[in-house]
PDB file of N, CA and C in Angstrom:
ATOM      1  N   MET A   1     -39.531  -6.780  14.362  1.00  0.00           N
ATOM      2  CA  MET A   1     -39.393  -8.220  13.608  1.00  0.00           C
ATOM      3  C   MET A   1     -39.848  -7.911  12.041  1.00  0.00           C
ATOM      4  N   ALA A   2     -39.236  -8.450  11.255  1.00  0.00           N
ATOM      5  CA  ALA A   2     -39.591  -8.389   9.920  1.00  0.00           C
ATOM      6  C   ALA A   2     -40.845  -9.085   9.536  1.00  0.00           C
ATOM      7  N   GLN A   3     -41.646  -8.371   8.489  1.00  0.00           N
ATOM      8  CA  GLN A   3     -42.867  -9.012   8.169  1.00  0.00           C
ATOM      9  C   GLN A   3     -42.831  -9.632   6.970  1.00  0.00           C
ATOM     10  N   HIS A   4     -41.479  -9.709   6.428  1.00  0.00           N
ATOM     11  CA  HIS A   4     -41.590 -10.511   5.055  1.00  0.00           C
ATOM     12  C   HIS A   4     -40.304 -11.317   4.997  1.00  0.00           C
ATOM     13  N   ALA A   5     -40.266 -12.219   4.207  1.00  0.00           N
ATOM     14  CA  ALA A   5     -39.003 -13.069   4.158  1.00  0.00           C
ATOM     15  C   ALA A   5     -37.883 -12.318   3.563  1.00  0.00           C
ATOM     16  N   SER A   6     -38.238 -11.399   2.515  1.00  0.00           N
ATOM     17  CA  SER A   6     -37.246 -10.596   1.970  1.00  0.00           C
ATOM     18  C   SER A   6     -36.737  -9.527   2.854  1.00  0.00           C
ATOM     19  N   ALA A   7     -37.345  -9.078   3.874  1.00  0.00           N
ATOM     20  CA  ALA A   7     -36.941  -8.223   4.896  1.00  0.00           C
ATOM     21  C   ALA A   7     -35.939  -8.808   5.694  1.00  0.00           C
ATOM     22  N   ASP A   8     -36.297 -10.258   6.212  1.00  0.00           N
ATOM     23  CA  ASP A   8     -35.304 -11.070   6.939  1.00  0.00           C
ATOM     24  C   ASP A   8     -33.929 -11.341   6.089  1.00  0.00           C
ATOM     25  N   LYS A   9     -34.075 -11.617   4.792  1.00  0.00           N
ATOM     26  CA  LYS A   9     -32.743 -11.459   4.008  1.00  0.00           C
ATOM     27  C   LYS A   9     -32.057 -10.404   4.046  1.00  0.00           C
ATOM     28  N   ARG A  10     -32.854  -9.244   3.752  1.00  0.00           N
ATOM     29  CA  ARG A  10     -32.045  -8.052   3.819  1.00  0.00           C
ATOM     30  C   ARG A  10     -31.172  -7.544   4.997  1.00  0.00           C
ATOM     31  N   ASN A  11     -31.951  -8.017   6.196  1.00  0.00           N
ATOM     32  CA  ASN A  11     -31.224  -7.902   7.432  1.00  0.00           C
ATOM     33  C   ASN A  11     -29.963  -8.736   7.615  1.00  0.00           C
ATOM     34  N   ARG A  12     -30.017 -10.001   7.068  1.00  0.00           N
ATOM     35  CA  ARG A  12     -28.800 -10.876   7.169  1.00  0.00           C
ATOM     36  C   ARG A  12     -27.938 -10.369   6.225  1.00  0.00           C
ATOM     37  N   GLN A  13     -28.193  -9.918   5.234  1.00  0.00           N
ATOM     38  CA  GLN A  13     -27.107  -9.370   4.175  1.00  0.00           C
ATOM     39  C   GLN A  13     -26.649  -8.137   4.856  1.00  0.00           C
ATOM     40  N   ASN A  14     -27.264  -7.209   5.353  1.00  0.00           N
ATOM     41  CA  ASN A  14     -26.840  -6.014   6.015  1.00  0.00           C
ATOM     42  C   ASN A  14     -25.689  -6.506   7.223  1.00  0.00           C
ATOM     43  N   GLU A  15     -26.226  -7.248   7.900  1.00  0.00           N
ATOM     44  CA  GLU A  15     -25.283  -7.648   9.157  1.00  0.00           C
ATOM     45  C   GLU A  15     -23.963  -8.083   8.660  1.00  0.00           C
ATOM     46  N   ARG A  16     -24.032  -9.157   7.493  1.00  0.00           N
ATOM     47  CA  ARG A  16     -22.701  -9.621   6.837  1.00  0.00           C
ATOM     48  C   ARG A  16     -21.936  -8.531   6.406  1.00  0.00           C
ATOM     49  N   ARG A  17     -22.694  -7.606   5.610  1.00  0.00           N
ATOM     50  CA  ARG A  17     -21.627  -6.469   4.987  1.00  0.00           C
ATOM     51  C   ARG A  17     -21.128  -5.393   6.042  1.00  0.00           C
ATOM     52  N   ARG A  18     -21.961  -5.487   7.213  1.00  0.00           N
ATOM     53  CA  ARG A  18     -21.534  -4.240   8.196  1.00  0.00           C
ATOM     54  C   ARG A  18     -20.201  -5.068   8.834  1.00  0.00           C
ATOM     55  N   LEU A  19     -20.167  -6.267   9.142  1.00  0.00           N
ATOM     56  CA  LEU A  19     -19.183  -6.947   9.736  1.00  0.00           C
ATOM     57  C   LEU A  19     -18.028  -6.867   8.746  1.00  0.00           C
ATOM     58  N   HIS A  20     -18.270  -7.156   7.503  1.00  0.00           N
ATOM     59  CA  HIS A  20     -17.168  -7.031   6.494  1.00  0.00           C
ATOM     60  C   HIS A  20     -16.517  -5.725   6.336  1.00  0.00           C
ATOM     61  N   ASN A  21     -17.324  -4.852   6.359  1.00  0.00           N
ATOM     62  CA  ASN A  21     -16.862  -3.326   6.218  1.00  0.00           C
ATOM     63  C   ASN A  21     -16.104  -2.938   7.576  1.00  0.00           C
ATOM     64  N   LYS A  22     -16.554  -3.396   8.631  1.00  0.00           N
ATOM     65  CA  LYS A  22     -15.939  -3.119   9.930  1.00  0.00           C
ATOM     66  C   LYS A  22     -14.598  -3.615   9.935  1.00  0.00           C
ATOM     67  N   TYR A  23     -14.471  -4.904   9.515  1.00  0.00           N
ATOM     68  CA  TYR A  23     -13.128  -5.507   9.509  1.00  0.00           C
ATOM     69  C   TYR A  23     -12.168  -4.741   8.643  1.00  0.00           C
ATOM     70  N   TYR A  24     -12.422  -4.291   7.344  1.00  0.00           N
ATOM     71  CA  TYR A  24     -11.535  -3.745   6.645  1.00  0.00           C
ATOM     72  C   TYR A  24     -11.399  -2.232   6.974  1.00  0.00           C
ATOM     73  N   ALA A  25     -12.285  -1.586   7.498  1.00  0.00           N
ATOM     74  CA  ALA A  25     -12.076  -0.314   7.967  1.00  0.00           C
ATOM     75  C   ALA A  25     -11.112  -0.331   9.373  1.00  0.00           C
ATOM     76  N   LYS A  26     -11.271  -1.148  10.209  1.00  0.00           N
ATOM     77  CA  LYS A  26     -10.453  -1.404  11.387  1.00  0.00           C
ATOM     78  C   LYS A  26      -9.051  -1.771  11.001  1.00  0.00           C
ATOM     79  N   THR A  27      -8.817  -2.730  10.081  1.00  0.00           N
ATOM     80  CA  THR A  27      -7.395  -3.052   9.572  1.00  0.00           C
ATOM     81  C   THR A  27      -6.690  -1.845   9.002  1.00  0.00           C
ATOM     82  N   THR A  28      -7.527  -1.159   8.235  1.00  0.00           N
ATOM     83  CA  THR A  28      -7.020   0.051   7.436  1.00  0.00           C
ATOM     84  C   THR A  28      -6.615   1.029   8.540  1.00  0.00           C
ATOM     85  N   ARG A  29      -7.379   1.461   9.624  1.00  0.00           N
ATOM     86  CA  ARG A  29      -7.043   2.526  10.746  1.00  0.00           C
ATOM     87  C   ARG A  29      -5.820   1.903  11.456  1.00  0.00           C
ATOM     88  N   ASN A  30      -5.770   0.714  11.578  1.00  0.00           N
ATOM     89  CA  ASN A  30      -4.680   0.034  12.446  1.00  0.00           C
ATOM     90  C   ASN A  30      -3.252   0.343  11.635  1.00  0.00           C
ATOM     91  N   ALA A  31      -3.372   0.245  10.268  1.00  0.00           N
ATOM     92  CA  ALA A  31      -2.285   0.499   9.253  1.00  0.00           C
ATOM     93  C   ALA A  31      -1.890   1.910   9.330  1.00  0.00           C
ATOM     94  N   ILE A  32      -2.917   2.762   9.208  1.00  0.00           N
ATOM     95  CA  ILE A  32      -2.646   4.303   9.446  1.00  0.00           C
ATOM     96  C   ILE A  32      -2.091   4.754  10.634  1.00  0.00           C
ATOM     97  N   ARG A  33      -2.425   3.965  11.987  1.00  0.00           N
ATOM     98  CA  ARG A  33      -1.763   4.372  13.129  1.00  0.00           C
ATOM     99  C   ARG A  33      -0.326   3.831  13.107  1.00  0.00           C
ATOM    100  N   ALA A  34      -0.002   2.874  12.518  1.00  0.00           N
ATOM    101  CA  ALA A  34       1.095   2.195  12.514  1.00  0.00           C
ATOM    102  C   ALA A  34       2.084   3.121  11.558  1.00  0.00           C
ATOM    103  N   LEU A  35       1.587   3.489  10.485  1.00  0.00           N
ATOM    104  CA  LEU A  35       2.427   4.562   9.528  1.00  0.00           C
ATOM    105  C   LEU A  35       2.564   5.961  10.392  1.00  0.00           C
ATOM    106  N   ARG A  36       1.939   6.322  11.243  1.00  0.00           N
ATOM    107  CA  ARG A  36       1.928   7.617  11.962  1.00  0.00           C
ATOM    108  C   ARG A  36       2.905   7.394  12.979  1.00  0.00           C
ATOM    109  N   ALA A  37       3.051   6.158  13.706  1.00  0.00           N
ATOM    110  CA  ALA A  37       3.933   5.956  14.690  1.00  0.00           C
ATOM    111  C   ALA A  37       5.426   5.754  14.162  1.00  0.00           C
ATOM    112  N   MET A  38       5.488   5.660  12.855  1.00  0.00           N
ATOM    113  CA  MET A  38       6.929   5.415  12.374  1.00  0.00           C
ATOM    114  C   MET A  38       7.733   6.737  12.531  1.00  0.00           C
ATOM    115  N   THR A  39       8.914   6.688  12.762  1.00  0.00           N
ATOM    116  CA  THR A  39       9.872   7.983  12.968  1.00  0.00           C
ATOM    117  C   THR A  39      11.053   7.947  11.882  1.00  0.00           C
ATOM    118  N   VAL A  40      11.200   6.859  11.324  1.00  0.00           N
ATOM    119  CA  VAL A  40      12.120   6.789  10.095  1.00  0.00           C
ATOM    120  C   VAL A  40      11.403   7.112   8.687  1.00  0.00           C
ATOM    121  N   LYS A  41      12.058   8.001   8.116  1.00  0.00           N
ATOM    122  CA  LYS A  41      11.234   8.443   6.842  1.00  0.00           C
ATOM    123  C   LYS A  41      11.346   7.391   5.691  1.00  0.00           C
ATOM    124  N   SER A  42      12.443   6.537   5.596  1.00  0.00           N
ATOM    125  CA  SER A  42      12.699   5.528   4.791  1.00  0.00           C
ATOM    126  C   SER A  42      11.367   4.492   4.902  1.00  0.00           C
ATOM    127  N   GLU A  43      11.375   3.982   6.089  1.00  0.00           N
ATOM    128  CA  GLU A  43      10.308   2.980   6.521  1.00  0.00           C
ATOM    129  C   GLU A  43       8.876   3.609   6.162  1.00  0.00           C
ATOM    130  N   ALA A  44       8.580   4.793   6.464  1.00  0.00           N
ATOM    131  CA  ALA A  44       7.436   5.246   6.270  1.00  0.00           C
ATOM    132  C   ALA A  44       6.906   5.446   4.661  1.00  0.00           C
ATOM    133  N   GLU A  45       8.012   5.853   3.937  1.00  0.00           N
ATOM    134  CA  GLU A  45       7.763   5.913   2.599  1.00  0.00           C
ATOM    135  C   GLU A  45       7.687   4.466   1.994  1.00  0.00           C
ATOM    136  N   ALA A  46       8.414   3.528   2.468  1.00  0.00           N
ATOM    137  CA  ALA A  46       8.194   2.113   1.917  1.00  0.00           C
ATOM    138  C   ALA A  46       6.814   1.549   2.371  1.00  0.00           C
ATOM    139  N   SER A  47       6.332   1.855   3.440  1.00  0.00           N
ATOM    140  CA  SER A  47       4.881   1.204   3.639  1.00  0.00           C
ATOM    141  C   SER A  47       3.825   2.229   3.284  1.00  0.00           C
ATOM    142  N   ALA A  48       3.978   3.335   2.819  1.00  0.00           N
ATOM    143  CA  ALA A  48       3.080   4.189   2.425  1.00  0.00           C
ATOM    144  C   ALA A  48       2.135   3.628   1.197  1.00  0.00           C
ATOM    145  N   PRO A  49       2.655   3.043   0.287  1.00  0.00           N
ATOM    146  CA  PRO A  49       1.907   2.602  -0.677  1.00  0.00           C
ATOM    147  C   PRO A  49       0.924   1.599  -0.624  1.00  0.00           C
ATOM    148  N   LYS A  50       1.197   0.682   0.399  1.00  0.00           N
ATOM    149  CA  LYS A  50       0.208  -0.319   0.938  1.00  0.00           C
ATOM    150  C   LYS A  50      -0.977   0.230   1.790  1.00  0.00           C
ATOM    151  N   VAL A  51      -0.645   1.328   2.548  1.00  0.00           N
ATOM    152  CA  VAL A  51      -1.654   1.914   3.216  1.00  0.00           C
ATOM    153  C   VAL A  51      -2.630   2.750   2.353  1.00  0.00           C
ATOM    154  N   TYR A  52      -1.963   3.539   1.249  1.00  0.00           N
ATOM    155  CA  TYR A  52      -2.589   4.103   0.238  1.00  0.00           C
ATOM    156  C   TYR A  52      -3.648   3.248  -0.520  1.00  0.00           C
ATOM    157  N   ALA A  53      -3.168   2.008  -0.791  1.00  0.00           N
ATOM    158  CA  ALA A  53      -3.958   1.073  -1.498  1.00  0.00           C
ATOM    159  C   ALA A  53      -5.235   0.620  -0.593  1.00  0.00           C
ATOM    160  N   MET A  54      -4.962   0.398   0.728  1.00  0.00           N
ATOM    161  CA  MET A  54      -5.815   0.119   1.521  1.00  0.00           C
ATOM    162  C   MET A  54      -7.110   1.194   1.595  1.00  0.00           C
ATOM    163  N   ILE A  55      -6.738   2.404   1.772  1.00  0.00           N
ATOM    164  CA  ILE A  55      -7.639   3.409   1.932  1.00  0.00           C
ATOM    165  C   ILE A  55      -8.411   3.687   0.480  1.00  0.00           C
ATOM    166  N   ASP A  56      -7.703   3.393  -0.550  1.00  0.00           N
ATOM    167  CA  ASP A  56      -8.470   3.510  -2.033  1.00  0.00           C
ATOM    168  C   ASP A  56      -9.242   2.445  -1.982  1.00  0.00           C
ATOM    169  N   LYS A  57      -9.195   1.359  -1.471  1.00  0.00           N
ATOM    170  CA  LYS A  57     -10.168   0.064  -1.540  1.00  0.00           C
ATOM    171  C   LYS A  57     -11.241   0.333  -0.573  1.00  0.00           C
ATOM    172  N   LEU A  58     -10.927   0.832   0.574  1.00  0.00           N
ATOM    173  CA  LEU A  58     -12.231   1.411   1.286  1.00  0.00           C
ATOM    174  C   LEU A  58     -13.166   2.476   0.525  1.00  0.00           C
ATOM    175  N   ALA A  59     -12.652   3.332  -0.066  1.00  0.00           N
ATOM    176  CA  ALA A  59     -13.290   4.294  -1.015  1.00  0.00           C
ATOM    177  C   ALA A  59     -13.982   3.637  -1.983  1.00  0.00           C
ATOM    178  N   LYS A  60     -13.393   2.670  -2.717  1.00  0.00           N
ATOM    179  CA  LYS A  60     -13.833   2.084  -3.871  1.00  0.00           C
ATOM    180  C   LYS A  60     -15.189   1.279  -3.559  1.00  0.00           C
ATOM    181  N   ILE A  61     -14.983   0.503  -2.482  1.00  0.00           N
ATOM    182  CA  ILE A  61     -16.098  -0.189  -2.071  1.00  0.00           C
ATOM    183  C   ILE A  61     -17.232   0.424  -1.016  1.00  0.00           C
ATOM    184  N   GLY A  62     -17.124   1.722  -0.933  1.00  0.00           N
ATOM    185  CA  GLY A  62     -18.057   2.507  -0.269  1.00  0.00           C
ATOM    186  C   GLY A  62     -18.018   2.710   1.249  1.00  0.00           C
ATOM    187  N   VAL A  63     -17.135   2.121   1.726  1.00  0.00           N
ATOM    188  CA  VAL A  63     -16.822   2.114   3.135  1.00  0.00           C
ATOM    189  C   VAL A  63     -16.660   3.611   3.688  1.00  0.00           C
ATOM    190  N   ILE A  64     -15.668   4.159   3.114  1.00  0.00           N
ATOM    191  CA  ILE A  64     -15.530   5.845   3.216  1.00  0.00           C
ATOM    192  C   ILE A  64     -15.818   6.583   2.192  1.00  0.00           C
ATOM    193  N   HIS A  65     -16.007   7.668   2.196  1.00  0.00           N
ATOM    194  CA  HIS A  65     -16.286   8.487   1.106  1.00  0.00           C
ATOM    195  C   HIS A  65     -14.777   8.707   0.399  1.00  0.00           C
ATOM    196  N   GLN A  66     -14.941   9.183  -1.049  1.00  0.00           N
ATOM    197  CA  GLN A  66     -13.814   9.251  -1.868  1.00  0.00           C
ATOM    198  C   GLN A  66     -12.927  10.786  -1.171  1.00  0.00           C
ATOM    199  N   ASN A  67     -13.750  11.627  -0.743  1.00  0.00           N
ATOM    200  CA  ASN A  67     -13.003  12.800  -0.252  1.00  0.00           C
ATOM    201  C   ASN A  67     -12.205  12.499   1.122  1.00  0.00           C
ATOM    202  N   LYS A  68     -12.830  11.430   1.965  1.00  0.00           N
ATOM    203  CA  LYS A  68     -12.182  11.360   3.117  1.00  0.00           C
ATOM    204  C   LYS A  68     -10.897  10.651   2.714  1.00  0.00           C
ATOM    205  N   ALA A  69     -10.771   9.570   1.731  1.00  0.00           N
ATOM    206  CA  ALA A  69      -9.801   8.924   1.398  1.00  0.00           C
ATOM    207  C   ALA A  69      -8.728   9.851   1.044  1.00  0.00           C
ATOM    208  N   ALA A  70      -8.940  10.790   0.146  1.00  0.00           N
ATOM    209  CA  ALA A  70      -8.122  11.727  -0.287  1.00  0.00           C
ATOM    210  C   ALA A  70      -7.315  12.500   0.696  1.00  0.00           C
ATOM    211  N   ASN A  71      -8.310  12.900   1.708  1.00  0.00           N
ATOM    212  CA  ASN A  71      -7.738  13.880   3.074  1.00  0.00           C
ATOM    213  C   ASN A  71      -6.935  12.890   3.841  1.00  0.00           C
ATOM    214  N   LEU A  72      -7.227  11.614   3.999  1.00  0.00           N
ATOM    215  CA  LEU A  72      -6.179  10.714   4.730  1.00  0.00           C
ATOM    216  C   LEU A  72      -4.997  10.601   4.119  1.00  0.00           C
ATOM    217  N   LYS A  73      -4.852  10.396   2.796  1.00  0.00           N
ATOM    218  CA  LYS A  73      -3.603  10.107   2.074  1.00  0.00           C
ATOM    219  C   LYS A  73      -2.958  11.363   2.128  1.00  0.00           C
ATOM    220  N   SER A  74      -3.725  12.555   1.922  1.00  0.00           N
ATOM    221  CA  SER A  74      -3.001  13.840   1.979  1.00  0.00           C
ATOM    222  C   SER A  74      -2.189  13.945   3.308  1.00  0.00           C
ATOM    223  N   GLY A  75      -3.025  13.686   4.366  1.00  0.00           N
ATOM    224  CA  GLY A  75      -2.308  13.964   5.770  1.00  0.00           C
ATOM    225  C   GLY A  75      -1.263  13.081   6.134  1.00  0.00           C
ATOM    226  N   LEU A  76      -1.391  11.968   5.468  1.00  0.00           N
ATOM    227  CA  LEU A  76      -0.318  10.947   5.647  1.00  0.00           C
ATOM    228  C   LEU A  76       0.933  11.357   4.833  1.00  0.00           C
ATOM    229  N   GLN A  77       0.723  11.928   3.756  1.00  0.00           N
ATOM    230  CA  GLN A  77       2.031  12.334   2.879  1.00  0.00           C
ATOM    231  C   GLN A  77       2.414  13.465   3.573  1.00  0.00           C
ATOM    232  N   VAL A  78       1.669  14.379   4.112  1.00  0.00           N
ATOM    233  CA  VAL A  78       2.508  15.477   4.924  1.00  0.00           C
ATOM    234  C   VAL A  78       3.245  15.136   6.041  1.00  0.00           C
ATOM    235  N   TYR A  79       2.750  14.119   6.757  1.00  0.00           N
ATOM    236  CA  TYR A  79       3.421  13.505   7.905  1.00  0.00           C
ATOM    237  C   TYR A  79       4.747  13.012   7.359  1.00  0.00           C
ATOM    238  N   ILE A  80       4.447  12.235   6.499  1.00  0.00           N
ATOM    239  CA  ILE A  80       6.020  11.578   5.756  1.00  0.00           C
ATOM    240  C   ILE A  80       6.997  12.679   5.391  1.00  0.00           C
ATOM    241  N   ASN A  81       6.354  13.557   4.711  1.00  0.00           N
ATOM    242  CA  ASN A  81       7.350  14.679   4.353  1.00  0.00           C
ATOM    243  C   ASN A  81       7.961  15.473   5.266  1.00  0.00           C
ATOM    244  N   LYS A  82       7.323  15.550   6.408  1.00  0.00           N
ATOM    245  CA  LYS A  82       7.946  16.196   7.548  1.00  0.00           C
ATOM    246  C   LYS A  82       8.932  15.482   8.544  1.00  0.00           C
ATOM    247  N   LEU A  83       9.086  13.965   8.275  1.00  0.00           N
ATOM    248  CA  LEU A  83       9.926  13.219   8.865  1.00  0.00           C
ATOM    249  C   LEU A  83      11.326  13.659   8.397  1.00  0.00           C
ATOM    250  N   ALA A  84      12.323  13.519   9.388  1.00  0.00           N
ATOM    251  CA  ALA A  84      13.699  13.922   9.043  1.00  0.00           C
ATOM    252  C   ALA A  84      14.438  12.760   8.703  1.00  0.00           C
TER     253      ALA A  84
END
């Protein structure tokens, strides 16, 4: 139990932020899965900028590290380039 009102407030803020971050992270993961499931190169290229923007936003707000964002985007681009 929190011993101070400020600790209670901090717990409430942390819970709100955790749920907010979880929502955006899950949405982005689903978008990445959808992009990896595509088999047509033109479709994948068309949806890639939106997914990249989602990944960049996660890195910007601190949900994931910037290096992880770069690795995810690089891996997606490699996948898109391999599509015929």
